[in-house]
Amino acid sequence: MNAIGPAGFWSYTHRDDQLDGGRIRRLAEAIAHAFEITTGDELHVFVDNTSIAWGEQWRARLDSALTSTTFLIPIITPKFLNSQECRREIITFSSHAASLGLDDLILPIHYVNVPQLTEENSGDEVIQLISRRQWVDWRQLRLEDEDSPGYRQAVNQLALRLKGILETPPAGGPIVVPSGEAEADLPGFLDSLAEMEVALPEWAETVQEFGEVLESLNRKTLESAALMQQSDARGGGFAGRLRVTNELATDLDEPVRKITELGGRYSSELSRIDPGIITMIRMIGEGEVTQEEEQSARETFTQLMVMIVAAREAVPNLMGLSEAAKVMASGSRALRPLMNSIQAAVQQVVDGQTIIEEWGRMIDELGESDAGN
């Protein structure tokens, strides 16, 4: 499908659709039909994120100004939040939309109750992205008959909402910097370079600190395992194991506090520079900067790619830590809050990896484009 008009990408888990008898895919079709009968224009619907057509259109839309006519409609359920692919889709789309000043193009549908969505101060990046938007409550509607007046009216209201967003000019947009102006008048490209100049060393420091805390956690955990073996050898039984576990919980309190702090800092640093980096790459690709500005940006991109590779190599170790934390949380009430904090911090890094891998993809494609010219 070569979609050039409005398009909607449905982000959901296929298992949720199966469990609900295919209603999620039918909802996508119903909204597209309501949009077309309301506006007279076709809304191209992409629902199968495993297909080649979905992937091709996804990349084409992200990399062009057509993003302003593209919607992401995530179907929020507990499984959605547990799906790394769904998390990747919403984070990536949000990054590109923010770089274009188009924040209303994500339209979450709260399909099955997710308690975190109504809680304040969630440390989950995806929860924050959803809660900052006016999500549609479908938790009761999904139980209604699809032909009922209430259900059909809700579908129509969502189609009208899509129509309204398309007809409303964005409040802001990416700052396009005219070449040759004084530096004080360049709030876009040069400010982004300056921001990266400050942020990259801070980011590198955070990654290094993660490694140090991870080493401390592993060391304390191994020491605890050795103490538990000694306790077993002395016939300490479950009481001995419980004593060792409680001591471990006390020992881990400080490194877990630190890793929680680092997770928040890591996420914050990436979110701060993400729109600027995407805008810079896009402006270079479209030839909207001077040769000197482009050279400076490409030197920064070289440093950035080194850090992307380093972060990529660190992720498997962090994922291993998260899995170990999950096992330990299931076996000890004393350790459970600490292990949950570790998993949350690791998730922040994994979500951040989605952002930086997208930078890497765009920088790589920028290089391929240059080679083809």
Protein backbone atom coordinates (compact mmCIF):
# COMPACT_ATOMS: atom_id res chain seq x y z
CA MET A 1 0.00 0.00 0.00
CA ASN A 2 1.47 3.35 -1.02
CA ALA A 3 -0.26 5.57 1.51
CA ILE A 4 0.10 9.30 0.84
CA GLY A 5 -2.91 10.58 2.80
CA PRO A 6 -3.70 10.38 6.52
CA ALA A 7 -2.50 7.16 8.09
CA GLY A 8 -3.00 5.41 11.39
CA PHE A 9 -0.57 2.89 12.87
CA TRP A 10 -2.19 0.63 15.47
CA SER A 11 0.24 -0.41 18.18
CA TYR A 12 -0.97 -3.40 20.18
CA THR A 13 -0.03 -6.92 21.15
CA HIS A 14 -1.37 -9.63 18.89
CA ARG A 15 -2.05 -11.79 21.94
CA ASP A 16 -4.42 -9.14 23.32
CA ASP A 17 -6.29 -9.17 20.01
CA GLN A 18 -6.52 -12.96 20.11
CA LEU A 19 -7.74 -12.98 23.70
CA ASP A 20 -10.43 -10.43 22.81
CA GLY A 21 -11.68 -12.33 19.77
CA GLY A 22 -10.14 -10.00 17.17
CA ARG A 23 -11.93 -6.91 18.50
CA ILE A 24 -8.82 -4.72 18.46
CA ARG A 25 -8.28 -5.14 14.72
CA ARG A 26 -12.00 -4.66 14.09
CA LEU A 27 -11.88 -1.45 16.14
CA ALA A 28 -9.09 -0.17 13.89
CA GLU A 29 -11.22 -0.92 10.83
CA ALA A 30 -14.33 0.67 12.38
CA ILE A 31 -12.46 3.91 13.16
CA ALA A 32 -11.02 4.04 9.64
CA HIS A 33 -14.51 3.60 8.16
CA ALA A 34 -15.96 6.27 10.46
CA PHE A 35 -13.15 8.65 9.49
CA GLU A 36 -13.75 8.12 5.78
CA ILE A 37 -17.52 8.53 5.92
CA THR A 38 -17.06 11.67 8.06
CA THR A 39 -14.33 13.36 6.02
CA GLY A 40 -14.59 11.80 2.58
CA ASP A 41 -10.88 10.96 2.83
CA GLU A 42 -9.43 7.51 3.33
CA LEU A 43 -7.50 6.82 6.52
CA HIS A 44 -4.84 4.28 5.63
CA VAL A 45 -4.73 1.71 8.40
CA PHE A 46 -1.61 -0.26 9.32
CA VAL A 47 -2.29 -2.96 11.89
CA ASP A 48 0.23 -5.74 11.28
CA ASN A 49 3.59 -4.56 12.56
CA THR A 50 5.17 -7.86 11.46
CA SER A 51 4.52 -7.19 7.78
CA ILE A 52 6.99 -5.65 5.32
CA ALA A 53 4.41 -3.05 4.22
CA TRP A 54 3.93 -1.88 7.82
CA GLY A 55 7.67 -1.49 8.36
CA GLU A 56 8.25 0.33 5.07
CA GLN A 57 5.44 2.81 5.67
CA TRP A 58 6.49 3.27 9.32
CA ARG A 59 10.00 4.31 8.33
CA ALA A 60 8.83 6.46 5.41
CA ARG A 61 6.39 8.33 7.63
CA LEU A 62 8.89 8.88 10.42
CA ASP A 63 11.55 10.21 8.08
CA SER A 64 9.38 12.76 6.26
CA ALA A 65 7.07 15.69 6.87
CA LEU A 66 4.20 13.25 6.33
CA THR A 67 4.49 12.60 10.06
CA SER A 68 2.11 15.55 10.47
CA THR A 69 -0.68 13.44 8.92
CA THR A 70 0.24 10.24 10.70
CA PHE A 71 -1.33 8.94 13.89
CA LEU A 72 -0.08 6.33 16.32
CA ILE A 73 -2.93 4.68 18.18
CA PRO A 74 -1.56 2.50 20.99
CA ILE A 75 -4.00 0.07 22.60
CA ILE A 76 -3.00 0.21 26.25
CA THR A 77 -3.18 -3.01 28.25
CA PRO A 78 -0.89 -4.69 30.80
CA LYS A 79 0.58 -6.77 27.97
CA PHE A 80 1.24 -3.61 25.95
CA LEU A 81 3.46 -2.23 28.73
CA ASN A 82 5.28 -5.57 28.98
CA SER A 83 5.93 -5.69 25.22
CA GLN A 84 9.31 -4.19 24.36
CA GLU A 85 8.22 -3.86 20.73
CA CYS A 86 5.13 -1.83 21.66
CA ARG A 87 7.22 0.33 23.98
CA ARG A 88 9.71 0.87 21.17
CA GLU A 89 6.97 2.00 18.78
CA ILE A 90 5.50 4.61 21.10
CA ILE A 91 8.90 5.97 22.18
CA THR A 92 10.18 6.22 18.60
CA PHE A 93 7.04 7.86 17.24
CA SER A 94 6.92 10.29 20.17
CA SER A 95 10.55 11.32 19.54
CA HIS A 96 9.91 12.13 15.89
CA ALA A 97 6.63 13.92 16.59
CA ALA A 98 8.27 16.05 19.30
CA SER A 99 11.05 17.07 16.90
CA LEU A 100 8.34 18.39 14.55
CA GLY A 101 6.36 20.11 17.30
CA LEU A 102 3.49 17.66 16.78
CA ASP A 103 2.61 16.18 20.15
CA ASP A 104 -1.09 15.41 19.53
CA LEU A 105 -0.53 12.61 17.02
CA ILE A 106 -0.38 9.84 19.65
CA LEU A 107 -3.93 8.88 20.62
CA PRO A 108 -3.79 6.21 23.33
CA ILE A 109 -6.83 4.00 23.88
CA HIS A 110 -6.94 2.73 27.49
CA TYR A 111 -8.34 -0.67 26.58
CA VAL A 112 -7.78 -2.83 29.67
CA ASN A 113 -7.21 -1.32 33.10
CA VAL A 114 -3.60 -0.34 33.75
CA PRO A 115 -3.48 1.09 37.30
CA GLN A 116 -0.14 2.89 36.73
CA LEU A 117 -1.79 5.13 34.15
CA THR A 118 -3.79 6.94 36.79
CA GLU A 119 -0.96 7.09 39.34
CA GLU A 120 1.14 10.21 39.74
CA ASN A 121 4.92 10.39 39.44
CA SER A 122 5.42 7.14 37.58
CA GLY A 123 9.05 6.51 36.69
CA ASP A 124 8.04 4.53 33.61
CA GLU A 125 8.84 6.48 30.43
CA VAL A 126 6.01 4.93 28.42
CA ILE A 127 3.48 5.57 31.19
CA GLN A 128 4.61 9.20 31.23
CA LEU A 129 4.24 9.51 27.46
CA ILE A 130 0.70 8.14 27.63
CA SER A 131 -0.44 10.06 30.71
CA ARG A 132 0.70 13.38 29.24
CA ARG A 133 -1.85 12.89 26.48
CA GLN A 134 -5.62 12.81 26.56
CA TRP A 135 -6.17 9.09 26.31
CA VAL A 136 -9.52 7.59 25.37
CA ASP A 137 -11.15 5.37 27.98
CA TRP A 138 -12.32 2.14 26.33
CA ARG A 139 -12.24 -0.06 29.42
CA GLN A 140 -16.02 -0.41 29.60
CA LEU A 141 -16.74 0.16 25.92
CA ARG A 142 -14.71 -2.88 24.94
CA LEU A 143 -17.30 -5.01 26.78
CA GLU A 144 -20.22 -3.59 24.79
CA ASP A 145 -21.67 -5.07 21.63
CA GLU A 146 -19.86 -3.64 18.61
CA ASP A 147 -23.20 -2.78 17.00
CA SER A 148 -24.59 -1.02 20.08
CA PRO A 149 -25.36 2.72 19.80
CA GLY A 150 -22.89 3.57 22.59
CA TYR A 151 -20.03 1.72 20.94
CA ARG A 152 -20.73 3.16 17.48
CA GLN A 153 -21.01 6.67 18.90
CA ALA A 154 -17.64 6.30 20.66
CA VAL A 155 -16.03 5.12 17.41
CA ASN A 156 -17.49 8.12 15.61
CA GLN A 157 -16.23 10.50 18.32
CA LEU A 158 -12.71 9.15 17.94
CA ALA A 159 -12.89 9.59 14.16
CA LEU A 160 -14.01 13.19 14.66
CA ARG A 161 -11.11 13.73 17.03
CA LEU A 162 -8.67 12.55 14.35
CA LYS A 163 -10.35 14.86 11.87
CA GLY A 164 -10.04 17.80 14.28
CA ILE A 165 -6.33 17.23 14.82
CA LEU A 166 -5.67 17.20 11.08
CA GLU A 167 -7.59 20.44 10.64
CA THR A 168 -5.83 22.26 13.51
CA PRO A 169 -2.47 23.85 12.69
CA PRO A 170 0.27 22.74 15.10
CA ALA A 171 1.06 25.19 17.88
CA GLY A 172 4.75 24.88 17.21
CA GLY A 173 7.23 23.11 15.01
CA PRO A 174 10.89 22.46 14.47
CA ILE A 175 13.00 25.56 14.34
CA VAL A 176 14.43 25.91 10.84
CA VAL A 177 17.54 28.03 11.03
CA PRO A 178 18.33 30.31 8.07
CA SER A 179 22.01 30.18 7.19
CA GLY A 180 24.23 33.21 7.68
CA GLU A 181 22.48 34.79 10.67
CA ALA A 182 24.32 35.88 13.78
CA GLU A 183 24.89 33.16 16.38
CA ALA A 184 22.58 34.92 18.85
CA ASP A 185 19.75 34.52 16.36
CA LEU A 186 20.27 30.78 15.88
CA PRO A 187 18.13 29.12 18.55
CA GLY A 188 17.74 25.88 16.62
CA PHE A 189 20.75 24.19 15.06
CA LEU A 190 23.56 25.81 17.03
CA ASP A 191 21.70 25.51 20.31
CA SER A 192 21.25 21.80 19.63
CA LEU A 193 24.99 21.43 18.99
CA ALA A 194 25.76 23.31 22.19
CA GLU A 195 23.31 21.14 24.12
CA MET A 196 24.94 17.98 22.78
CA GLU A 197 28.39 19.32 23.64
CA VAL A 198 27.31 19.52 27.29
CA ALA A 199 25.07 16.44 27.33
CA LEU A 200 27.42 13.86 25.78
CA PRO A 201 30.03 13.96 28.59
CA GLU A 202 27.24 13.85 31.18
CA TRP A 203 25.70 10.88 29.42
CA ALA A 204 29.08 9.10 29.25
CA GLU A 205 29.53 9.68 32.98
CA THR A 206 26.10 8.22 33.71
CA VAL A 207 26.87 5.11 31.65
CA GLN A 208 30.18 4.69 33.51
CA GLU A 209 28.45 5.06 36.88
CA PHE A 210 25.92 2.42 35.83
CA GLY A 211 28.81 0.01 35.27
CA GLU A 212 30.26 0.76 38.71
CA VAL A 213 26.93 0.27 40.49
CA LEU A 214 26.28 -2.92 38.51
CA GLU A 215 29.66 -4.25 39.67
CA SER A 216 28.78 -3.39 43.28
CA LEU A 217 25.41 -5.15 43.02
CA ASN A 218 26.99 -8.27 41.53
CA ARG A 219 29.70 -8.34 44.20
CA LYS A 220 27.26 -8.03 47.09
CA THR A 221 24.98 -10.65 45.57
CA LEU A 222 27.87 -13.12 45.13
CA GLU A 223 29.03 -12.49 48.71
CA SER A 224 25.48 -13.18 49.90
CA ALA A 225 25.35 -16.43 47.92
CA ALA A 226 28.60 -17.56 49.55
CA LEU A 227 27.25 -16.71 53.03
CA MET A 228 24.11 -18.68 52.27
CA GLN A 229 26.18 -21.72 51.29
CA GLN A 230 28.13 -21.44 54.56
CA SER A 231 24.86 -21.18 56.48
CA ASP A 232 23.52 -24.28 54.76
CA ALA A 233 26.75 -26.14 55.53
CA ARG A 234 26.28 -25.31 59.21
CA GLY A 235 22.71 -26.57 59.07
CA GLY A 236 21.22 -23.09 59.39
CA GLY A 237 18.13 -24.12 57.43
CA PHE A 238 15.57 -21.62 56.20
CA ALA A 239 16.11 -19.39 59.22
CA GLY A 240 19.75 -19.01 58.23
CA ARG A 241 18.82 -18.27 54.64
CA LEU A 242 16.32 -15.66 55.80
CA ARG A 243 18.97 -13.95 57.95
CA VAL A 244 21.39 -13.78 55.00
CA THR A 245 18.64 -12.44 52.74
CA ASN A 246 17.68 -9.71 55.20
CA GLU A 247 21.34 -8.70 55.52
CA LEU A 248 21.59 -8.56 51.73
CA ALA A 249 18.54 -6.30 51.56
CA THR A 250 20.27 -3.88 53.94
CA ASP A 251 23.53 -4.02 51.97
CA LEU A 252 21.76 -3.39 48.66
CA ASP A 253 19.82 -0.37 49.85
CA GLU A 254 22.48 2.18 48.83
CA PRO A 255 23.42 0.74 45.40
CA VAL A 256 19.75 0.29 44.53
CA ARG A 257 19.07 3.90 45.49
CA LYS A 258 21.96 4.89 43.23
CA ILE A 259 20.83 2.80 40.27
CA THR A 260 17.34 4.28 40.60
CA GLU A 261 18.83 7.78 40.52
CA LEU A 262 20.96 6.87 37.49
CA GLY A 263 17.98 5.43 35.62
CA GLY A 264 16.08 8.67 36.05
CA ARG A 265 19.11 10.74 35.05
CA TYR A 266 19.76 8.59 31.98
CA SER A 267 16.17 8.95 30.79
CA SER A 268 16.12 12.68 31.49
CA GLU A 269 19.38 13.33 29.62
CA LEU A 270 18.21 11.50 26.51
CA SER A 271 14.78 13.17 26.50
CA ARG A 272 16.44 16.57 26.75
CA ILE A 273 18.57 16.21 23.63
CA ASP A 274 16.46 13.81 21.56
CA PRO A 275 14.30 16.34 19.62
CA GLY A 276 17.35 18.43 18.79
CA ILE A 277 19.35 15.48 17.46
CA ILE A 278 16.52 14.26 15.25
CA THR A 279 15.95 17.79 13.94
CA MET A 280 19.68 18.21 13.22
CA ILE A 281 19.86 14.95 11.27
CA ARG A 282 16.74 15.86 9.31
CA MET A 283 18.02 19.37 8.51
CA ILE A 284 21.35 17.99 7.26
CA GLY A 285 19.54 15.45 5.11
CA GLU A 286 17.40 18.20 3.58
CA GLY A 287 20.36 20.52 2.99
CA GLU A 288 19.14 23.27 5.33
CA VAL A 289 22.46 24.04 7.06
CA THR A 290 25.75 25.62 6.08
CA GLN A 291 28.78 23.49 5.28
CA GLU A 292 30.49 24.60 8.51
CA GLU A 293 27.42 23.68 10.60
CA GLU A 294 27.17 20.31 8.89
CA GLN A 295 30.86 19.57 9.54
CA SER A 296 30.46 20.39 13.24
CA ALA A 297 27.36 18.20 13.48
CA ARG A 298 29.05 15.26 11.74
CA GLU A 299 31.99 15.42 14.14
CA THR A 300 29.51 15.26 17.00
CA PHE A 301 27.69 12.36 15.33
CA THR A 302 30.99 10.43 15.22
CA GLN A 303 31.29 10.75 19.00
CA LEU A 304 27.63 9.86 19.33
CA MET A 305 27.99 6.63 17.35
CA VAL A 306 30.85 5.50 19.64
CA MET A 307 28.60 6.01 22.65
CA ILE A 308 25.69 4.26 20.96
CA VAL A 309 27.84 1.17 20.44
CA ALA A 310 29.05 1.30 24.06
CA ALA A 311 25.50 1.60 25.38
CA ARG A 312 24.37 -1.24 23.12
CA GLU A 313 27.05 -3.52 24.56
CA ALA A 314 25.97 -2.70 28.12
CA VAL A 315 22.30 -3.57 27.62
CA PRO A 316 22.64 -7.41 27.74
CA ASN A 317 24.32 -7.20 31.17
CA LEU A 318 21.56 -4.92 32.44
CA MET A 319 18.89 -7.24 31.07
CA GLY A 320 20.60 -10.11 32.87
CA LEU A 321 20.48 -8.06 36.06
CA SER A 322 16.78 -7.40 35.53
CA GLU A 323 16.02 -11.11 35.07
CA ALA A 324 18.02 -11.99 38.19
CA ALA A 325 16.16 -9.28 40.11
CA LYS A 326 12.84 -10.74 38.98
CA VAL A 327 13.81 -14.18 40.30
CA MET A 328 15.03 -12.76 43.62
CA ALA A 329 11.88 -10.65 44.01
CA SER A 330 9.71 -13.73 43.68
CA GLY A 331 11.59 -15.53 46.45
CA SER A 332 12.00 -12.89 49.13
CA ARG A 333 9.62 -10.33 50.58
CA ALA A 334 12.55 -8.34 52.02
CA LEU A 335 14.23 -8.05 48.62
CA ARG A 336 11.09 -7.49 46.54
CA PRO A 337 10.92 -3.66 46.73
CA LEU A 338 14.63 -3.37 45.96
CA MET A 339 14.45 -5.80 43.06
CA ASN A 340 11.42 -4.00 41.64
CA SER A 341 13.41 -0.75 41.75
CA ILE A 342 16.26 -2.40 39.87
CA GLN A 343 13.89 -3.66 37.18
CA ALA A 344 12.37 -0.19 36.80
CA ALA A 345 15.81 1.42 36.43
CA VAL A 346 16.90 -1.16 33.87
CA GLN A 347 13.69 -0.57 31.92
CA GLN A 348 14.54 3.14 31.73
CA VAL A 349 17.88 2.28 30.16
CA VAL A 350 16.32 -0.20 27.73
CA ASP A 351 13.71 2.39 26.72
CA GLY A 352 16.52 4.91 26.30
CA GLN A 353 18.29 2.45 24.02
CA THR A 354 15.29 2.71 21.70
CA ILE A 355 15.92 6.44 21.39
CA ILE A 356 19.64 6.19 20.70
CA GLU A 357 19.27 3.27 18.28
CA GLU A 358 16.94 5.50 16.26
CA TRP A 359 19.66 8.16 16.18
CA GLY A 360 22.08 5.53 14.95
CA ARG A 361 19.70 4.40 12.21
CA MET A 362 19.16 7.94 10.98
CA ILE A 363 22.89 8.78 11.06
CA ASP A 364 23.67 5.57 9.16
CA GLU A 365 21.05 6.36 6.54
CA LEU A 366 22.41 9.89 6.25
CA GLY A 367 25.82 8.39 5.45
CA GLU A 368 24.30 5.98 2.92
CA SER A 369 22.49 8.87 1.25
CA ASP A 370 25.78 10.79 0.97
CA ALA A 371 27.51 7.75 -0.53
CA GLY A 372 24.77 7.44 -3.14
CA ASN A 373 25.12 11.07 -4.27
